[in-house]
Amino acid sequence: MFSISLEKRLPRRNMFRLYRLSILLHLFGEWTLAKEWGRIGTRARSRFDWFRTQSEVEQAMLELVAFKTRRGYLTKPE
């Protein structure tokens, strides 16, 4: 449904990280926040969190994007 990618690139510290968030509607009507993260160019780790309503999953995504932005991640254009 909706996804956003964040990157953190700090060559002097050899840090090249990717964090991707996606909001998905589960087959049985639950909302899922899919998270993928890892070093750019490698296989990402993933985690799925389930929510009852769309507003809950959107709020969780906004909070996570704000947290990652404070940590130095930038939005990657799709």
Protein backbone atom coordinates (compact mmCIF):
# COMPACT_ATOMS: atom_id res chain seq x y z
CA MET A 1 0.00 0.00 0.00
CA PHE A 2 2.50 2.61 1.17
CA SER A 3 6.25 2.45 1.74
CA ILE A 4 9.12 4.77 2.60
CA SER A 5 12.87 4.20 2.42
CA LEU A 6 15.44 5.89 4.64
CA GLU A 7 19.20 5.90 4.21
CA LYS A 8 22.14 6.83 6.37
CA ARG A 9 25.45 7.29 4.55
CA LEU A 10 28.57 8.26 6.47
CA PRO A 11 31.58 7.23 4.34
CA ARG A 12 34.16 8.43 6.86
CA ARG A 13 32.67 5.95 9.38
CA ASN A 14 32.05 3.25 6.72
CA MET A 15 28.31 3.45 7.51
CA PHE A 16 25.86 2.74 4.68
CA ARG A 17 22.49 1.78 6.13
CA LEU A 18 19.01 1.30 4.71
CA TYR A 19 15.70 1.23 6.59
CA ARG A 20 12.48 0.54 4.67
CA LEU A 21 8.95 0.71 6.12
CA SER A 22 5.81 -0.56 4.39
CA ILE A 23 2.16 -0.53 5.42
CA LEU A 24 0.25 -3.57 4.19
CA LEU A 25 -3.29 -4.84 4.62
CA HIS A 26 -3.29 -8.44 5.86
CA LEU A 27 -5.52 -11.05 4.25
CA PHE A 28 -7.81 -11.14 7.30
CA GLY A 29 -8.23 -7.37 7.65
CA GLU A 30 -5.34 -6.61 10.01
CA TRP A 31 -2.79 -3.94 9.17
CA THR A 32 0.91 -4.80 9.03
CA LEU A 33 3.96 -2.59 9.42
CA ALA A 34 6.79 -4.32 7.58
CA LYS A 35 10.30 -3.19 8.55
CA GLU A 36 13.47 -4.05 6.63
CA TRP A 37 16.93 -2.86 7.61
CA GLY A 38 20.57 -3.52 7.01
CA ARG A 39 23.68 -2.45 5.18
CA ILE A 40 23.07 -1.11 1.67
CA GLY A 41 23.85 -3.83 -0.87
CA THR A 42 23.39 -6.78 1.49
CA ARG A 43 20.43 -8.94 2.42
CA ALA A 44 18.12 -7.06 4.77
CA ARG A 45 16.68 -8.28 8.04
CA SER A 46 12.94 -7.95 8.43
CA ARG A 47 10.21 -7.78 11.05
CA PHE A 48 6.42 -7.51 10.87
CA ASP A 49 4.18 -5.82 13.45
CA TRP A 50 0.40 -6.18 13.31
CA PHE A 51 -2.20 -3.55 14.19
CA ARG A 52 -6.00 -3.54 14.38
CA THR A 53 -6.62 -0.24 12.60
CA GLN A 54 -5.06 1.77 9.83
CA SER A 55 -4.65 4.80 12.08
CA GLU A 56 -2.61 2.76 14.60
CA VAL A 57 -0.19 1.49 11.95
CA GLU A 58 0.17 4.95 10.40
CA GLN A 59 0.93 6.47 13.82
CA ALA A 60 3.55 3.79 14.49
CA MET A 61 5.15 4.46 11.12
CA LEU A 62 5.26 8.23 11.67
CA GLU A 63 6.87 7.76 15.09
CA LEU A 64 9.50 5.42 13.66
CA VAL A 65 10.29 7.77 10.75
CA ALA A 66 10.67 10.68 13.20
CA PHE A 67 12.99 8.58 15.41
CA LYS A 68 15.16 7.49 12.47
CA THR A 69 15.30 11.06 11.14
CA ARG A 70 16.60 12.25 14.52
CA ARG A 71 19.25 9.51 14.26
CA GLY A 72 20.52 10.92 10.94
CA TYR A 73 18.57 8.93 8.34
CA LEU A 74 17.35 10.78 5.24
CA THR A 75 14.37 9.94 3.05
CA LYS A 76 15.43 8.17 -0.11
CA PRO A 77 13.49 9.21 -3.23
CA GLU A 78 11.65 6.29 -4.81
